[in-house]
PDB file of N, CA and C in Angstrom:
ATOM      1  N   MET A   1       0.526  -1.371   0.355  1.00  0.00           N
ATOM      2  CA  MET A   1      -0.315   0.070   0.146  1.00  0.00           C
ATOM      3  C   MET A   1       0.590   1.499   0.113  1.00  0.00           C
ATOM      4  N   ILE A   2       0.414   1.948  -0.964  1.00  0.00           N
ATOM      5  CA  ILE A   2       1.701   3.611  -1.250  1.00  0.00           C
ATOM      6  C   ILE A   2       0.695   4.477  -0.446  1.00  0.00           C
ATOM      7  N   GLU A   3       1.173   5.045   0.918  1.00  0.00           N
ATOM      8  CA  GLU A   3       1.181   6.429   1.346  1.00  0.00           C
ATOM      9  C   GLU A   3       2.302   7.566   1.717  1.00  0.00           C
ATOM     10  N   GLU A   4       1.645   8.291   1.923  1.00  0.00           N
ATOM     11  CA  GLU A   4       2.662   9.610   1.807  1.00  0.00           C
ATOM     12  C   GLU A   4       2.872  10.057   3.638  1.00  0.00           C
ATOM     13  N   VAL A   5       4.222   9.727   3.667  1.00  0.00           N
ATOM     14  CA  VAL A   5       4.950   9.957   5.178  1.00  0.00           C
ATOM     15  C   VAL A   5       5.420  11.225   4.523  1.00  0.00           C
ATOM     16  N   VAL A   6       5.106  11.976   5.581  1.00  0.00           N
ATOM     17  CA  VAL A   6       5.786  13.737   5.940  1.00  0.00           C
ATOM     18  C   VAL A   6       7.141  13.194   7.928  1.00  0.00           C
ATOM     19  N   VAL A   7       7.910  13.270   7.510  1.00  0.00           N
ATOM     20  CA  VAL A   7       9.037  13.316   8.817  1.00  0.00           C
ATOM     21  C   VAL A   7       9.275  14.151   9.072  1.00  0.00           C
ATOM     22  N   PRO A   8       9.902  14.137  10.006  1.00  0.00           N
ATOM     23  CA  PRO A   8      10.893  15.688  10.904  1.00  0.00           C
ATOM     24  C   PRO A   8      12.468  15.038  10.506  1.00  0.00           C
ATOM     25  N   VAL A   9      13.623  15.700  10.364  1.00  0.00           N
ATOM     26  CA  VAL A   9      14.214  15.629   9.530  1.00  0.00           C
ATOM     27  C   VAL A   9      15.348  16.217  11.232  1.00  0.00           C
ATOM     28  N   LYS A  10      16.038  15.814  11.821  1.00  0.00           N
ATOM     29  CA  LYS A  10      17.115  16.034  12.205  1.00  0.00           C
ATOM     30  C   LYS A  10      18.191  15.711  12.120  1.00  0.00           C
ATOM     31  N   GLY A  11      18.930  16.938  12.517  1.00  0.00           N
ATOM     32  CA  GLY A  11      21.212  17.209  12.164  1.00  0.00           C
ATOM     33  C   GLY A  11      21.197  17.411  10.983  1.00  0.00           C
ATOM     34  N   MET A  12      20.212  17.803   9.903  1.00  0.00           N
ATOM     35  CA  MET A  12      20.160  18.150   8.385  1.00  0.00           C
ATOM     36  C   MET A  12      20.412  20.310   8.779  1.00  0.00           C
ATOM     37  N   VAL A  13      21.762  20.621   8.405  1.00  0.00           N
ATOM     38  CA  VAL A  13      21.732  22.102   8.011  1.00  0.00           C
ATOM     39  C   VAL A  13      22.050  22.588   6.786  1.00  0.00           C
ATOM     40  N   CYS A  14      22.665  21.604   5.909  1.00  0.00           N
ATOM     41  CA  CYS A  14      22.295  22.026   4.082  1.00  0.00           C
ATOM     42  C   CYS A  14      22.013  21.232   3.168  1.00  0.00           C
ATOM     43  N   SER A  15      21.759  21.605   2.244  1.00  0.00           N
ATOM     44  CA  SER A  15      21.092  21.561   1.813  1.00  0.00           C
ATOM     45  C   SER A  15      21.894  19.922   0.626  1.00  0.00           C
ATOM     46  N   SER A  16      22.854  20.279   1.083  1.00  0.00           N
ATOM     47  CA  SER A  16      24.011  18.940   0.522  1.00  0.00           C
ATOM     48  C   SER A  16      23.109  18.054   1.471  1.00  0.00           C
ATOM     49  N   CYS A  17      23.657  18.017   2.583  1.00  0.00           N
ATOM     50  CA  CYS A  17      23.451  16.370   3.427  1.00  0.00           C
ATOM     51  C   CYS A  17      21.622  16.339   2.613  1.00  0.00           C
ATOM     52  N   ALA A  18      20.333  16.600   2.851  1.00  0.00           N
ATOM     53  CA  ALA A  18      18.744  16.909   2.294  1.00  0.00           C
ATOM     54  C   ALA A  18      19.107  16.236   1.082  1.00  0.00           C
ATOM     55  N   MET A  19      20.039  16.672  -0.134  1.00  0.00           N
ATOM     56  CA  MET A  19      20.842  15.724  -1.586  1.00  0.00           C
ATOM     57  C   MET A  19      21.044  14.218  -0.707  1.00  0.00           C
ATOM     58  N   LYS A  20      22.519  14.500  -0.383  1.00  0.00           N
ATOM     59  CA  LYS A  20      21.915  13.036   0.707  1.00  0.00           C
ATOM     60  C   LYS A  20      21.764  12.339   0.995  1.00  0.00           C
ATOM     61  N   VAL A  21      21.104  12.497   1.517  1.00  0.00           N
ATOM     62  CA  VAL A  21      19.623  11.610   2.162  1.00  0.00           C
ATOM     63  C   VAL A  21      18.450  10.883   1.082  1.00  0.00           C
ATOM     64  N   GLU A  22      17.815  11.918   0.106  1.00  0.00           N
ATOM     65  CA  GLU A  22      17.101  11.776  -0.864  1.00  0.00           C
ATOM     66  C   GLU A  22      18.052  10.200  -1.395  1.00  0.00           C
ATOM     67  N   ALA A  23      19.073  10.754  -2.034  1.00  0.00           N
ATOM     68  CA  ALA A  23      19.244   9.742  -2.557  1.00  0.00           C
ATOM     69  C   ALA A  23      19.294   8.382  -2.114  1.00  0.00           C
ATOM     70  N   ALA A  24      19.888   8.360  -1.245  1.00  0.00           N
ATOM     71  CA  ALA A  24      19.976   6.677  -0.227  1.00  0.00           C
ATOM     72  C   ALA A  24      18.260   6.293  -0.336  1.00  0.00           C
ATOM     73  N   VAL A  25      17.630   7.479   0.167  1.00  0.00           N
ATOM     74  CA  VAL A  25      16.952   6.377   0.183  1.00  0.00           C
ATOM     75  C   VAL A  25      15.422   6.283  -1.206  1.00  0.00           C
ATOM     76  N   ASN A  26      16.552   6.783  -1.796  1.00  0.00           N
ATOM     77  CA  ASN A  26      15.349   6.869  -2.770  1.00  0.00           C
ATOM     78  C   ASN A  26      16.600   5.886  -3.998  1.00  0.00           C
ATOM     79  N   ALA A  27      16.986   4.832  -2.847  1.00  0.00           N
ATOM     80  CA  ALA A  27      17.837   3.933  -3.878  1.00  0.00           C
ATOM     81  C   ALA A  27      17.086   2.694  -3.037  1.00  0.00           C
ATOM     82  N   LEU A  28      16.348   2.479  -2.350  1.00  0.00           N
ATOM     83  CA  LEU A  28      15.000   1.224  -2.180  1.00  0.00           C
ATOM     84  C   LEU A  28      14.366   1.316  -2.184  1.00  0.00           C
ATOM     85  N   ARG A  29      13.906  -0.397  -2.861  1.00  0.00           N
ATOM     86  CA  ARG A  29      13.070  -0.336  -2.944  1.00  0.00           C
ATOM     87  C   ARG A  29      11.565   0.339  -2.218  1.00  0.00           C
ATOM     88  N   GLY A  30      10.168   0.052  -3.151  1.00  0.00           N
ATOM     89  CA  GLY A  30       9.285   1.178  -2.344  1.00  0.00           C
ATOM     90  C   GLY A  30       8.722   2.111  -1.943  1.00  0.00           C
ATOM     91  N   VAL A  31      10.363   3.085  -2.684  1.00  0.00           N
ATOM     92  CA  VAL A  31       9.824   4.002  -2.453  1.00  0.00           C
ATOM     93  C   VAL A  31      10.552   4.913  -3.908  1.00  0.00           C
ATOM     94  N   LYS A  32       8.792   5.968  -3.533  1.00  0.00           N
ATOM     95  CA  LYS A  32       8.735   6.088  -4.593  1.00  0.00           C
ATOM     96  C   LYS A  32       9.213   8.013  -5.585  1.00  0.00           C
ATOM     97  N   SER A  33       8.868   8.622  -4.600  1.00  0.00           N
ATOM     98  CA  SER A  33       9.887   9.946  -4.345  1.00  0.00           C
ATOM     99  C   SER A  33      10.097   9.715  -2.857  1.00  0.00           C
ATOM    100  N   VAL A  34      11.597  11.289  -2.487  1.00  0.00           N
ATOM    101  CA  VAL A  34      10.845  11.721  -1.541  1.00  0.00           C
ATOM    102  C   VAL A  34      12.118  12.781  -2.437  1.00  0.00           C
ATOM    103  N   ARG A  35      11.503  14.583  -1.240  1.00  0.00           N
ATOM    104  CA  ARG A  35      11.942  15.313  -0.886  1.00  0.00           C
ATOM    105  C   ARG A  35      12.222  16.024   0.165  1.00  0.00           C
ATOM    106  N   VAL A  36      13.794  16.002   0.372  1.00  0.00           N
ATOM    107  CA  VAL A  36      13.557  16.053   2.510  1.00  0.00           C
ATOM    108  C   VAL A  36      13.880  18.113   1.567  1.00  0.00           C
ATOM    109  N   ASP A  37      13.699  18.980   3.542  1.00  0.00           N
ATOM    110  CA  ASP A  37      13.856  20.345   3.162  1.00  0.00           C
ATOM    111  C   ASP A  37      14.740  20.316   4.154  1.00  0.00           C
ATOM    112  N   ALA A  38      15.789  20.601   4.417  1.00  0.00           N
ATOM    113  CA  ALA A  38      16.525  20.303   5.714  1.00  0.00           C
ATOM    114  C   ALA A  38      16.548  22.304   6.687  1.00  0.00           C
ATOM    115  N   SER A  39      15.870  22.908   5.504  1.00  0.00           N
ATOM    116  CA  SER A  39      15.631  24.392   6.146  1.00  0.00           C
ATOM    117  C   SER A  39      13.795  24.207   6.965  1.00  0.00           C
ATOM    118  N   ARG A  40      13.593  22.899   6.466  1.00  0.00           N
ATOM    119  CA  ARG A  40      11.861  23.286   7.624  1.00  0.00           C
ATOM    120  C   ARG A  40      11.724  21.897   8.296  1.00  0.00           C
ATOM    121  N   GLY A  41      13.290  21.151   7.769  1.00  0.00           N
ATOM    122  CA  GLY A  41      13.580  20.061   8.482  1.00  0.00           C
ATOM    123  C   GLY A  41      13.112  19.235   8.122  1.00  0.00           C
ATOM    124  N   GLU A  42      12.673  18.279   7.429  1.00  0.00           N
ATOM    125  CA  GLU A  42      11.207  17.362   7.227  1.00  0.00           C
ATOM    126  C   GLU A  42      11.397  17.158   5.490  1.00  0.00           C
ATOM    127  N   ALA A  43      10.439  15.020   5.932  1.00  0.00           N
ATOM    128  CA  ALA A  43      10.967  15.282   4.498  1.00  0.00           C
ATOM    129  C   ALA A  43       9.590  14.634   4.410  1.00  0.00           C
ATOM    130  N   LYS A  44       8.908  14.762   2.591  1.00  0.00           N
ATOM    131  CA  LYS A  44       7.395  13.785   2.348  1.00  0.00           C
ATOM    132  C   LYS A  44       8.820  12.669   1.209  1.00  0.00           C
ATOM    133  N   LEU A  45       7.776  11.547   2.123  1.00  0.00           N
ATOM    134  CA  LEU A  45       7.451  10.173   1.227  1.00  0.00           C
ATOM    135  C   LEU A  45       6.743   9.947   0.558  1.00  0.00           C
ATOM    136  N   LEU A  46       6.836   9.787  -0.486  1.00  0.00           N
ATOM    137  CA  LEU A  46       5.523   8.174  -1.303  1.00  0.00           C
ATOM    138  C   LEU A  46       5.875   7.517  -1.010  1.00  0.00           C
ATOM    139  N   ILE A  47       5.328   6.640  -0.668  1.00  0.00           N
ATOM    140  CA  ILE A  47       6.497   5.195   0.352  1.00  0.00           C
ATOM    141  C   ILE A  47       5.125   3.948  -0.333  1.00  0.00           C
ATOM    142  N   ASP A  48       5.953   2.859  -0.877  1.00  0.00           N
ATOM    143  CA  ASP A  48       4.922   1.554  -0.798  1.00  0.00           C
ATOM    144  C   ASP A  48       5.375   0.451   0.229  1.00  0.00           C
ATOM    145  N   VAL A  49       4.924   0.596   2.199  1.00  0.00           N
ATOM    146  CA  VAL A  49       5.097   0.186   3.297  1.00  0.00           C
ATOM    147  C   VAL A  49       5.108  -1.129   2.916  1.00  0.00           C
ATOM    148  N   SER A  50       4.405  -1.714   2.132  1.00  0.00           N
ATOM    149  CA  SER A  50       4.672  -3.149   1.857  1.00  0.00           C
ATOM    150  C   SER A  50       5.541  -4.086   1.221  1.00  0.00           C
ATOM    151  N   VAL A  51       6.637  -3.214   0.578  1.00  0.00           N
ATOM    152  CA  VAL A  51       7.712  -3.259   0.339  1.00  0.00           C
ATOM    153  C   VAL A  51       9.016  -2.632   1.753  1.00  0.00           C
ATOM    154  N   THR A  52       8.582  -1.784   1.829  1.00  0.00           N
ATOM    155  CA  THR A  52       9.764  -0.551   2.571  1.00  0.00           C
ATOM    156  C   THR A  52       9.159  -0.610   4.287  1.00  0.00           C
ATOM    157  N   SER A  53      10.251  -1.213   4.455  1.00  0.00           N
ATOM    158  CA  SER A  53       9.052  -0.435   6.035  1.00  0.00           C
ATOM    159  C   SER A  53      10.552   1.150   6.850  1.00  0.00           C
ATOM    160  N   LEU A  54       9.584   2.558   6.920  1.00  0.00           N
ATOM    161  CA  LEU A  54      10.256   3.392   7.720  1.00  0.00           C
ATOM    162  C   LEU A  54      11.202   2.472   8.896  1.00  0.00           C
ATOM    163  N   ASP A  55      11.590   1.921   9.015  1.00  0.00           N
ATOM    164  CA  ASP A  55      12.957   1.205   9.862  1.00  0.00           C
ATOM    165  C   ASP A  55      13.559   0.771   8.658  1.00  0.00           C
ATOM    166  N   GLU A  56      13.641   0.331   7.120  1.00  0.00           N
ATOM    167  CA  GLU A  56      14.507  -0.203   6.470  1.00  0.00           C
ATOM    168  C   GLU A  56      15.007   1.660   6.027  1.00  0.00           C
ATOM    169  N   VAL A  57      14.235   3.239   5.453  1.00  0.00           N
ATOM    170  CA  VAL A  57      13.946   4.049   5.578  1.00  0.00           C
ATOM    171  C   VAL A  57      15.132   5.234   6.721  1.00  0.00           C
ATOM    172  N   ARG A  58      14.628   4.314   7.303  1.00  0.00           N
ATOM    173  CA  ARG A  58      15.496   5.355   8.703  1.00  0.00           C
ATOM    174  C   ARG A  58      17.235   4.888   8.449  1.00  0.00           C
ATOM    175  N   ALA A  59      17.055   3.655   8.255  1.00  0.00           N
ATOM    176  CA  ALA A  59      18.696   2.513   8.392  1.00  0.00           C
ATOM    177  C   ALA A  59      19.935   3.397   7.306  1.00  0.00           C
ATOM    178  N   ALA A  60      18.972   4.213   6.680  1.00  0.00           N
ATOM    179  CA  ALA A  60      19.216   4.885   4.394  1.00  0.00           C
ATOM    180  C   ALA A  60      19.874   5.870   5.298  1.00  0.00           C
ATOM    181  N   SER A  61      18.698   7.119   5.470  1.00  0.00           N
ATOM    182  CA  SER A  61      19.160   8.054   5.619  1.00  0.00           C
ATOM    183  C   SER A  61      20.213   8.041   7.143  1.00  0.00           C
ATOM    184  N   ARG A  62      20.085   6.556   8.646  1.00  0.00           N
ATOM    185  CA  ARG A  62      21.596   7.390   9.237  1.00  0.00           C
ATOM    186  C   ARG A  62      22.942   7.419   8.302  1.00  0.00           C
ATOM    187  N   THR A  63      22.769   6.272   7.234  1.00  0.00           N
ATOM    188  CA  THR A  63      23.247   5.496   5.787  1.00  0.00           C
ATOM    189  C   THR A  63      24.300   7.019   5.717  1.00  0.00           C
ATOM    190  N   ALA A  64      23.608   8.551   6.144  1.00  0.00           N
ATOM    191  CA  ALA A  64      23.963   9.153   4.682  1.00  0.00           C
ATOM    192  C   ALA A  64      24.200  10.341   5.646  1.00  0.00           C
ATOM    193  N   ALA A  65      24.441   9.877   6.849  1.00  0.00           N
ATOM    194  CA  ALA A  65      24.479  10.798   8.619  1.00  0.00           C
ATOM    195  C   ALA A  65      23.811  11.364   9.049  1.00  0.00           C
ATOM    196  N   THR A  66      22.347  11.892   7.932  1.00  0.00           N
ATOM    197  CA  THR A  66      21.638  12.114   9.053  1.00  0.00           C
ATOM    198  C   THR A  66      20.592  11.765   9.524  1.00  0.00           C
ATOM    199  N   ARG A  67      20.207  11.396  10.732  1.00  0.00           N
ATOM    200  CA  ARG A  67      18.698  11.568  11.756  1.00  0.00           C
ATOM    201  C   ARG A  67      17.666  11.429  11.965  1.00  0.00           C
ATOM    202  N   TRP A  68      17.522  11.594  12.832  1.00  0.00           N
ATOM    203  CA  TRP A  68      15.200  11.492  11.493  1.00  0.00           C
ATOM    204  C   TRP A  68      14.486  11.037  12.748  1.00  0.00           C
ATOM    205  N   THR A  69      13.072  10.959  12.919  1.00  0.00           N
ATOM    206  CA  THR A  69      12.210  10.407  13.453  1.00  0.00           C
ATOM    207  C   THR A  69      10.796  10.863  12.565  1.00  0.00           C
ATOM    208  N   PRO A  70      10.711   9.433  12.668  1.00  0.00           N
ATOM    209  CA  PRO A  70       9.445   9.693  11.802  1.00  0.00           C
ATOM    210  C   PRO A  70       7.771  10.637  12.822  1.00  0.00           C
ATOM    211  N   ALA A  71       6.699  11.039  12.077  1.00  0.00           N
ATOM    212  CA  ALA A  71       5.527  11.422  12.298  1.00  0.00           C
ATOM    213  C   ALA A  71       5.208  10.599  13.035  1.00  0.00           C
ATOM    214  N   ARG A  72       5.052  11.220  14.057  1.00  0.00           N
ATOM    215  CA  ARG A  72       3.363   9.460  14.825  1.00  0.00           C
ATOM    216  C   ARG A  72       2.341  10.167  14.071  1.00  0.00           C
TER     217      ARG A  72
END
């Protein structure tokens, strides 16, 4: 099932960080799109949660050296 998810992002200070996170998350199966806005401190995802979990997305973002927490 495809869902739109908005998550707050912690630890990002520049657009370069945002691009790194976007690339890492976009590489995951099930992620249809991701847009990270460092100035707003949020990421908007269109994701098939039956294929890729938010935990997998968090792990990919950590690989890109940024921590974030999904909105509840």
